[in-house]
Amino acid sequence: MIEGVVFDLGETLLHFDGDWPDIFTRSRRALHLHLVAAGLDLPFEPFSETFRQRLETAQEARLDDHIERPVRAILEEVLAEFGHRQVDPAVIERGLAVLFALSEDHWQPAPGLDQVLDWVRAQGWRLGIISNASDEDNVLRLVDKIDNHHLFDPVLVSAAVGVRKPAPEIFNRLLDQWGRPPDRLVMIGDTLAADILGAQRAGLHQIWLRTAEDRPDNQAAADSITPEASAQDLRQVPAVLRRMAGMGDG
């Protein structure tokens, strides 16, 4: 029996259609302009390069220990190193929104998203999202791109929870909120080492979206992590869920 479906967000419900290195560079420049306009004395190249390095170091550490390092904390640490230890929180908050604005424009609903969500809702199943991301507000703005986004409850973000998939704690947070046994829930995501392994550790059923199977992290995990089921893209999910739920193929 299935009672709920939990989705990953990036490259599952939404797809990225931009040039990430270019957007990342432009985003750091936009952040710098905002901070300077707010009165902070910051040389662009040293600040931008230090911030880039700290973000990349944090990402490597996250992949190793699954502890989230929010981008807000990283930005505040870098600003302190440049002599700005007491920055108005409103300046930081607006700066983070500026930092993510360009990339947010390039996240678009995945093909078939509305039809898949309508089908899941028609079964009477609950909808939730668990997302690995370094900024909760960034995720919530992205979720707003989805029609009927209010139906996702909860939307759990690693930046707020403190740990990342595949740590079972973030899945347990959802289990506690829903009050459902894990074997009645299905996790759907594109990353073997995060979505699928995490669901397995927490006892959920899993469907791996193969939309990013050629990505190095998925290739590296393919020999050690075997998903319960897979789909080529989101549009195939209802058929896989039907089989999981014993509803046949009709």
C-alpha atoms as a PDB file:
ATOM      1  CA  MET A   1       0.000   0.000   0.000  1.00  0.00           C
ATOM      2  CA  ILE A   2       1.236   3.492  -0.863  1.00  0.00           C
ATOM      3  CA  GLU A   3       0.103   6.491   1.170  1.00  0.00           C
ATOM      4  CA  GLY A   4       2.582   9.172   0.202  1.00  0.00           C
ATOM      5  CA  VAL A   5       5.121  10.199  -2.425  1.00  0.00           C
ATOM      6  CA  VAL A   6       8.246  12.194  -1.592  1.00  0.00           C
ATOM      7  CA  PHE A   7      10.048  14.042  -4.369  1.00  0.00           C
ATOM      8  CA  ASP A   8      13.494  15.447  -4.766  1.00  0.00           C
ATOM      9  CA  LEU A   9      13.382  18.938  -6.318  1.00  0.00           C
ATOM     10  CA  GLY A  10      16.308  19.760  -8.605  1.00  0.00           C
ATOM     11  CA  GLU A  11      16.484  17.619 -11.754  1.00  0.00           C
ATOM     12  CA  THR A  12      13.390  15.768 -10.556  1.00  0.00           C
ATOM     13  CA  LEU A  13      10.474  18.212 -10.412  1.00  0.00           C
ATOM     14  CA  LEU A  14      12.499  21.038 -11.954  1.00  0.00           C
ATOM     15  CA  HIS A  15      15.207  20.968 -14.633  1.00  0.00           C
ATOM     16  CA  PHE A  16      18.093  23.407 -15.012  1.00  0.00           C
ATOM     17  CA  ASP A  17      18.541  24.859 -18.501  1.00  0.00           C
ATOM     18  CA  GLY A  18      21.449  27.261 -17.984  1.00  0.00           C
ATOM     19  CA  ASP A  19      25.256  27.344 -18.161  1.00  0.00           C
ATOM     20  CA  TRP A  20      26.128  26.871 -14.515  1.00  0.00           C
ATOM     21  CA  PRO A  21      29.750  28.160 -14.537  1.00  0.00           C
ATOM     22  CA  ASP A  22      28.695  31.366 -16.279  1.00  0.00           C
ATOM     23  CA  ILE A  23      25.684  31.861 -14.009  1.00  0.00           C
ATOM     24  CA  PHE A  24      27.765  31.184 -10.899  1.00  0.00           C
ATOM     25  CA  THR A  25      30.274  33.871 -11.929  1.00  0.00           C
ATOM     26  CA  ARG A  26      27.562  36.404 -12.753  1.00  0.00           C
ATOM     27  CA  SER A  27      25.756  35.628  -9.503  1.00  0.00           C
ATOM     28  CA  ARG A  28      28.843  36.376  -7.418  1.00  0.00           C
ATOM     29  CA  ARG A  29      29.275  39.655  -9.255  1.00  0.00           C
ATOM     30  CA  ALA A  30      25.631  40.589  -8.589  1.00  0.00           C
ATOM     31  CA  LEU A  31      26.105  39.759  -4.897  1.00  0.00           C
ATOM     32  CA  HIS A  32      29.214  41.920  -4.756  1.00  0.00           C
ATOM     33  CA  LEU A  33      27.434  44.869  -6.353  1.00  0.00           C
ATOM     34  CA  HIS A  34      24.626  44.552  -3.808  1.00  0.00           C
ATOM     35  CA  LEU A  35      27.041  44.482  -0.873  1.00  0.00           C
ATOM     36  CA  VAL A  36      29.009  47.462  -2.140  1.00  0.00           C
ATOM     37  CA  ALA A  37      25.780  49.387  -2.702  1.00  0.00           C
ATOM     38  CA  ALA A  38      24.888  48.609   0.922  1.00  0.00           C
ATOM     39  CA  GLY A  39      28.089  50.363   2.036  1.00  0.00           C
ATOM     40  CA  LEU A  40      30.539  47.475   2.409  1.00  0.00           C
ATOM     41  CA  ASP A  41      34.095  48.080   1.219  1.00  0.00           C
ATOM     42  CA  LEU A  42      34.917  44.888  -0.724  1.00  0.00           C
ATOM     43  CA  PRO A  43      37.428  44.337  -3.539  1.00  0.00           C
ATOM     44  CA  PHE A  44      35.637  42.235  -6.130  1.00  0.00           C
ATOM     45  CA  GLU A  45      38.249  39.705  -7.226  1.00  0.00           C
ATOM     46  CA  PRO A  46      39.556  38.714  -3.760  1.00  0.00           C
ATOM     47  CA  PHE A  47      36.056  38.565  -2.305  1.00  0.00           C
ATOM     48  CA  SER A  48      34.571  36.632  -5.226  1.00  0.00           C
ATOM     49  CA  GLU A  49      37.419  34.130  -5.346  1.00  0.00           C
ATOM     50  CA  THR A  50      37.403  33.545  -1.597  1.00  0.00           C
ATOM     51  CA  PHE A  51      33.639  33.071  -1.591  1.00  0.00           C
ATOM     52  CA  ARG A  52      33.860  30.664  -4.542  1.00  0.00           C
ATOM     53  CA  GLN A  53      36.543  28.588  -2.848  1.00  0.00           C
ATOM     54  CA  ARG A  54      34.625  28.401   0.422  1.00  0.00           C
ATOM     55  CA  LEU A  55      31.456  27.305  -1.356  1.00  0.00           C
ATOM     56  CA  GLU A  56      33.317  24.577  -3.228  1.00  0.00           C
ATOM     57  CA  THR A  57      35.083  23.414  -0.069  1.00  0.00           C
ATOM     58  CA  ALA A  58      31.756  23.281   1.746  1.00  0.00           C
ATOM     59  CA  GLN A  59      30.239  21.236  -1.066  1.00  0.00           C
ATOM     60  CA  GLU A  60      33.060  18.699  -0.873  1.00  0.00           C
ATOM     61  CA  ALA A  61      32.587  18.428   2.884  1.00  0.00           C
ATOM     62  CA  ARG A  62      28.815  17.996   2.527  1.00  0.00           C
ATOM     63  CA  LEU A  63      29.307  15.065   0.193  1.00  0.00           C
ATOM     64  CA  ASP A  64      31.583  13.436   2.737  1.00  0.00           C
ATOM     65  CA  ASP A  65      29.759  13.924   6.044  1.00  0.00           C
ATOM     66  CA  HIS A  66      26.201  14.875   4.920  1.00  0.00           C
ATOM     67  CA  ILE A  67      26.174  17.846   7.282  1.00  0.00           C
ATOM     68  CA  GLU A  68      24.640  20.932   5.679  1.00  0.00           C
ATOM     69  CA  ARG A  69      26.643  24.138   5.622  1.00  0.00           C
ATOM     70  CA  PRO A  70      24.202  26.957   4.828  1.00  0.00           C
ATOM     71  CA  VAL A  71      25.444  29.533   2.352  1.00  0.00           C
ATOM     72  CA  ARG A  72      24.382  32.284   4.771  1.00  0.00           C
ATOM     73  CA  ALA A  73      26.971  31.122   7.301  1.00  0.00           C
ATOM     74  CA  ILE A  74      29.645  30.856   4.605  1.00  0.00           C
ATOM     75  CA  LEU A  75      28.932  34.373   3.365  1.00  0.00           C
ATOM     76  CA  GLU A  76      29.035  35.790   6.887  1.00  0.00           C
ATOM     77  CA  GLU A  77      32.385  34.082   7.532  1.00  0.00           C
ATOM     78  CA  VAL A  78      33.888  35.481   4.338  1.00  0.00           C
ATOM     79  CA  LEU A  79      32.598  38.979   5.058  1.00  0.00           C
ATOM     80  CA  ALA A  80      34.112  38.799   8.539  1.00  0.00           C
ATOM     81  CA  GLU A  81      37.479  37.947   7.033  1.00  0.00           C
ATOM     82  CA  PHE A  82      37.197  41.099   4.918  1.00  0.00           C
ATOM     83  CA  GLY A  83      36.535  43.176   8.016  1.00  0.00           C
ATOM     84  CA  HIS A  84      32.712  43.180   8.036  1.00  0.00           C
ATOM     85  CA  ARG A  85      31.661  41.358  11.194  1.00  0.00           C
ATOM     86  CA  GLN A  86      28.405  43.131  12.000  1.00  0.00           C
ATOM     87  CA  VAL A  87      26.483  43.231   8.713  1.00  0.00           C
ATOM     88  CA  ASP A  88      22.798  44.125   8.855  1.00  0.00           C
ATOM     89  CA  PRO A  89      20.868  40.814   8.590  1.00  0.00           C
ATOM     90  CA  ALA A  90      18.569  42.446   6.036  1.00  0.00           C
ATOM     91  CA  VAL A  91      21.592  43.132   3.818  1.00  0.00           C
ATOM     92  CA  ILE A  92      22.633  39.479   4.088  1.00  0.00           C
ATOM     93  CA  GLU A  93      19.124  38.236   3.373  1.00  0.00           C
ATOM     94  CA  ARG A  94      18.736  40.450   0.313  1.00  0.00           C
ATOM     95  CA  GLY A  95      22.228  39.497  -0.829  1.00  0.00           C
ATOM     96  CA  LEU A  96      21.359  35.824  -0.788  1.00  0.00           C
ATOM     97  CA  ALA A  97      18.237  36.516  -2.843  1.00  0.00           C
ATOM     98  CA  VAL A  98      20.392  38.411  -5.352  1.00  0.00           C
ATOM     99  CA  LEU A  99      22.930  35.574  -5.402  1.00  0.00           C
ATOM    100  CA  PHE A 100      20.332  32.970  -6.316  1.00  0.00           C
ATOM    101  CA  ALA A 101      18.155  35.097  -8.612  1.00  0.00           C
ATOM    102  CA  LEU A 102      19.978  34.303 -11.856  1.00  0.00           C
ATOM    103  CA  SER A 103      20.021  30.549 -11.296  1.00  0.00           C
ATOM    104  CA  GLU A 104      16.376  30.537 -10.202  1.00  0.00           C
ATOM    105  CA  ASP A 105      15.425  31.917 -13.610  1.00  0.00           C
ATOM    106  CA  HIS A 106      16.893  28.796 -15.225  1.00  0.00           C
ATOM    107  CA  TRP A 107      14.981  26.189 -13.212  1.00  0.00           C
ATOM    108  CA  GLN A 108      11.895  25.115 -15.164  1.00  0.00           C
ATOM    109  CA  PRO A 109       9.141  22.537 -14.451  1.00  0.00           C
ATOM    110  CA  ALA A 110      10.053  19.099 -15.761  1.00  0.00           C
ATOM    111  CA  PRO A 111       8.070  17.784 -18.755  1.00  0.00           C
ATOM    112  CA  GLY A 112       4.863  16.144 -17.578  1.00  0.00           C
ATOM    113  CA  LEU A 113       5.070  17.609 -14.079  1.00  0.00           C
ATOM    114  CA  ASP A 114       1.469  18.806 -13.828  1.00  0.00           C
ATOM    115  CA  GLN A 115       0.048  15.535 -15.170  1.00  0.00           C
ATOM    116  CA  VAL A 116       2.145  13.425 -12.806  1.00  0.00           C
ATOM    117  CA  LEU A 117       1.177  15.464  -9.754  1.00  0.00           C
ATOM    118  CA  ASP A 118      -2.487  15.395 -10.760  1.00  0.00           C
ATOM    119  CA  TRP A 119      -2.308  11.603 -11.038  1.00  0.00           C
ATOM    120  CA  VAL A 120      -0.643  11.219  -7.620  1.00  0.00           C
ATOM    121  CA  ARG A 121      -3.208  13.505  -6.008  1.00  0.00           C
ATOM    122  CA  ALA A 122      -6.036  11.546  -7.624  1.00  0.00           C
ATOM    123  CA  GLN A 123      -4.859   8.464  -5.719  1.00  0.00           C
ATOM    124  CA  GLY A 124      -5.350  10.301  -2.439  1.00  0.00           C
ATOM    125  CA  TRP A 125      -1.617  10.123  -1.620  1.00  0.00           C
ATOM    126  CA  ARG A 126       0.260  12.794   0.264  1.00  0.00           C
ATOM    127  CA  LEU A 127       2.947  14.870  -1.428  1.00  0.00           C
ATOM    128  CA  GLY A 128       6.228  16.002   0.098  1.00  0.00           C
ATOM    129  CA  ILE A 129       9.629  17.313  -0.952  1.00  0.00           C
ATOM    130  CA  ILE A 130      13.053  16.647   0.530  1.00  0.00           C
ATOM    131  CA  SER A 131      15.751  18.823  -1.019  1.00  0.00           C
ATOM    132  CA  ASN A 132      19.493  19.030  -0.483  1.00  0.00           C
ATOM    133  CA  ALA A 133      20.199  22.760  -0.718  1.00  0.00           C
ATOM    134  CA  SER A 134      22.265  25.344   1.124  1.00  0.00           C
ATOM    135  CA  ASP A 135      19.512  27.973   1.362  1.00  0.00           C
ATOM    136  CA  GLU A 136      15.925  27.311   2.419  1.00  0.00           C
ATOM    137  CA  ASP A 137      14.457  30.476   0.916  1.00  0.00           C
ATOM    138  CA  ASN A 138      16.003  29.612  -2.447  1.00  0.00           C
ATOM    139  CA  VAL A 139      14.202  26.257  -2.408  1.00  0.00           C
ATOM    140  CA  LEU A 140      10.887  27.765  -1.362  1.00  0.00           C
ATOM    141  CA  ARG A 141      11.057  30.258  -4.228  1.00  0.00           C
ATOM    142  CA  LEU A 142      11.750  27.401  -6.628  1.00  0.00           C
ATOM    143  CA  VAL A 143       8.847  25.364  -5.270  1.00  0.00           C
ATOM    144  CA  ASP A 144       6.628  28.366  -6.001  1.00  0.00           C
ATOM    145  CA  LYS A 145       7.281  27.704  -9.706  1.00  0.00           C
ATOM    146  CA  ILE A 146       5.157  24.559  -9.403  1.00  0.00           C
ATOM    147  CA  ASP A 147       1.388  24.828  -9.855  1.00  0.00           C
ATOM    148  CA  ASN A 148      -0.444  23.894  -6.648  1.00  0.00           C
ATOM    149  CA  HIS A 149       2.862  24.022  -4.784  1.00  0.00           C
ATOM    150  CA  HIS A 150       0.918  24.404  -1.538  1.00  0.00           C
ATOM    151  CA  LEU A 151       0.014  20.718  -1.774  1.00  0.00           C
ATOM    152  CA  PHE A 152       3.588  19.745  -0.864  1.00  0.00           C
ATOM    153  CA  ASP A 153       3.645  19.366   2.895  1.00  0.00           C
ATOM    154  CA  PRO A 154       6.263  19.268   4.185  1.00  0.00           C
ATOM    155  CA  VAL A 155       8.991  20.841   2.086  1.00  0.00           C
ATOM    156  CA  LEU A 156      12.129  19.830   3.958  1.00  0.00           C
ATOM    157  CA  VAL A 157      15.389  21.566   3.068  1.00  0.00           C
ATOM    158  CA  SER A 158      18.754  20.413   4.353  1.00  0.00           C
ATOM    159  CA  ALA A 159      19.740  24.021   5.114  1.00  0.00           C
ATOM    160  CA  ALA A 160      16.968  24.149   7.714  1.00  0.00           C
ATOM    161  CA  VAL A 161      17.230  20.566   8.983  1.00  0.00           C
ATOM    162  CA  GLY A 162      21.031  20.537   9.277  1.00  0.00           C
ATOM    163  CA  VAL A 163      21.684  17.247   7.488  1.00  0.00           C
ATOM    164  CA  ARG A 164      21.488  16.150   3.870  1.00  0.00           C
ATOM    165  CA  LYS A 165      20.268  13.080   2.059  1.00  0.00           C
ATOM    166  CA  PRO A 166      21.281  10.249   2.398  1.00  0.00           C
ATOM    167  CA  ALA A 167      21.292  10.869   6.153  1.00  0.00           C
ATOM    168  CA  PRO A 168      18.172   9.096   7.442  1.00  0.00           C
ATOM    169  CA  GLU A 169      17.450  11.919   9.901  1.00  0.00           C
ATOM    170  CA  ILE A 170      15.989  14.154   7.199  1.00  0.00           C
ATOM    171  CA  PHE A 171      13.699  11.338   6.080  1.00  0.00           C
ATOM    172  CA  ASN A 172      12.738  10.631   9.678  1.00  0.00           C
ATOM    173  CA  ARG A 173      11.636  14.244  10.021  1.00  0.00           C
ATOM    174  CA  LEU A 174       9.062  13.647   7.289  1.00  0.00           C
ATOM    175  CA  LEU A 175       8.019  10.307   8.767  1.00  0.00           C
ATOM    176  CA  ASP A 176       7.371  11.992  12.101  1.00  0.00           C
ATOM    177  CA  GLN A 177       5.264  14.712  10.476  1.00  0.00           C
ATOM    178  CA  TRP A 178       3.209  12.314   8.397  1.00  0.00           C
ATOM    179  CA  GLY A 179       2.901   9.591  11.010  1.00  0.00           C
ATOM    180  CA  ARG A 180       3.174   6.941   8.310  1.00  0.00           C
ATOM    181  CA  PRO A 181       5.385   3.835   8.253  1.00  0.00           C
ATOM    182  CA  PRO A 182       8.245   4.158   5.737  1.00  0.00           C
ATOM    183  CA  ASP A 183       7.171   1.106   3.745  1.00  0.00           C
ATOM    184  CA  ARG A 184       4.046   2.995   2.659  1.00  0.00           C
ATOM    185  CA  LEU A 185       6.009   5.870   1.154  1.00  0.00           C
ATOM    186  CA  VAL A 186       7.950   6.226  -2.084  1.00  0.00           C
ATOM    187  CA  MET A 187      10.968   8.482  -2.671  1.00  0.00           C
ATOM    188  CA  ILE A 188      11.521   9.727  -6.223  1.00  0.00           C
ATOM    189  CA  GLY A 189      14.781  11.386  -7.207  1.00  0.00           C
ATOM    190  CA  ASP A 190      17.604  11.569  -9.716  1.00  0.00           C
ATOM    191  CA  THR A 191      20.601  10.926  -7.439  1.00  0.00           C
ATOM    192  CA  LEU A 192      21.577   7.416  -6.424  1.00  0.00           C
ATOM    193  CA  ALA A 193      23.898   8.387  -3.570  1.00  0.00           C
ATOM    194  CA  ALA A 194      21.459  10.877  -2.029  1.00  0.00           C
ATOM    195  CA  ASP A 195      17.829  10.167  -2.938  1.00  0.00           C
ATOM    196  CA  ILE A 196      17.948   6.412  -3.416  1.00  0.00           C
ATOM    197  CA  LEU A 197      20.474   5.469  -0.741  1.00  0.00           C
ATOM    198  CA  GLY A 198      18.799   7.780   1.754  1.00  0.00           C
ATOM    199  CA  ALA A 199      15.391   6.268   1.078  1.00  0.00           C
ATOM    200  CA  GLN A 200      16.824   2.773   1.463  1.00  0.00           C
ATOM    201  CA  ARG A 201      18.408   3.652   4.786  1.00  0.00           C
ATOM    202  CA  ALA A 202      15.124   5.103   6.035  1.00  0.00           C
ATOM    203  CA  GLY A 203      13.036   2.182   4.750  1.00  0.00           C
ATOM    204  CA  LEU A 204      11.153   3.945   1.953  1.00  0.00           C
ATOM    205  CA  HIS A 205      10.440   2.531  -1.479  1.00  0.00           C
ATOM    206  CA  GLN A 206      12.442   4.224  -4.210  1.00  0.00           C
ATOM    207  CA  ILE A 207      12.176   5.216  -7.861  1.00  0.00           C
ATOM    208  CA  TRP A 208      15.330   6.469  -9.523  1.00  0.00           C
ATOM    209  CA  LEU A 209      14.844   8.978 -12.321  1.00  0.00           C
ATOM    210  CA  ARG A 210      17.533   8.206 -14.867  1.00  0.00           C
ATOM    211  CA  THR A 211      17.544  11.770 -16.229  1.00  0.00           C
ATOM    212  CA  ALA A 212      21.091  12.289 -14.915  1.00  0.00           C
ATOM    213  CA  GLU A 213      22.449   8.740 -15.039  1.00  0.00           C
ATOM    214  CA  ASP A 214      25.529   9.872 -16.988  1.00  0.00           C
ATOM    215  CA  ARG A 215      26.535  12.345 -14.291  1.00  0.00           C
ATOM    216  CA  PRO A 216      29.798  11.259 -12.581  1.00  0.00           C
ATOM    217  CA  ASP A 217      28.267  10.892  -9.119  1.00  0.00           C
ATOM    218  CA  ASN A 218      25.591   8.539 -10.422  1.00  0.00           C
ATOM    219  CA  GLN A 219      28.095   6.538 -12.438  1.00  0.00           C
ATOM    220  CA  ALA A 220      30.303   6.167  -9.374  1.00  0.00           C
ATOM    221  CA  ALA A 221      27.372   4.927  -7.272  1.00  0.00           C
ATOM    222  CA  ALA A 222      25.859   2.593  -9.870  1.00  0.00           C
ATOM    223  CA  ASP A 223      27.853  -0.468  -8.795  1.00  0.00           C
ATOM    224  CA  SER A 224      26.956  -0.194  -5.114  1.00  0.00           C
ATOM    225  CA  ILE A 225      23.424   1.249  -5.035  1.00  0.00           C
ATOM    226  CA  THR A 226      20.566  -0.581  -6.725  1.00  0.00           C
ATOM    227  CA  PRO A 227      17.226   1.233  -6.803  1.00  0.00           C
ATOM    228  CA  GLU A 228      14.010  -0.685  -6.262  1.00  0.00           C
ATOM    229  CA  ALA A 229      12.633   0.734  -9.522  1.00  0.00           C
ATOM    230  CA  SER A 230      13.593   3.288 -12.125  1.00  0.00           C
ATOM    231  CA  ALA A 231      12.014   5.536 -14.751  1.00  0.00           C
ATOM    232  CA  GLN A 232      13.562   7.307 -17.710  1.00  0.00           C
ATOM    233  CA  ASP A 233      11.870  10.559 -16.769  1.00  0.00           C
ATOM    234  CA  LEU A 234       9.075  11.961 -14.626  1.00  0.00           C
ATOM    235  CA  ARG A 235       6.380  11.092 -17.172  1.00  0.00           C
ATOM    236  CA  GLN A 236       6.959   7.363 -16.583  1.00  0.00           C
ATOM    237  CA  VAL A 237       6.481   7.638 -12.821  1.00  0.00           C
ATOM    238  CA  PRO A 238       2.711   6.939 -12.698  1.00  0.00           C
ATOM    239  CA  ALA A 239       3.192   3.612 -14.476  1.00  0.00           C
ATOM    240  CA  VAL A 240       5.944   2.608 -12.039  1.00  0.00           C
ATOM    241  CA  LEU A 241       3.846   3.673  -9.057  1.00  0.00           C
ATOM    242  CA  ARG A 242       0.915   1.653 -10.357  1.00  0.00           C
ATOM    243  CA  ARG A 243       3.059  -1.473 -10.398  1.00  0.00           C
ATOM    244  CA  MET A 244       4.461  -0.732  -6.929  1.00  0.00           C
ATOM    245  CA  ALA A 245       0.960  -0.268  -5.567  1.00  0.00           C
ATOM    246  CA  GLY A 246      -0.278  -3.475  -7.201  1.00  0.00           C
ATOM    247  CA  MET A 247      -2.676  -1.571  -9.422  1.00  0.00           C
ATOM    248  CA  GLY A 248      -1.650  -3.324 -12.624  1.00  0.00           C
ATOM    249  CA  ASP A 249      -0.799  -1.542 -15.861  1.00  0.00           C
ATOM    250  CA  GLY A 250      -4.295  -0.412 -16.831  1.00  0.00           C
END
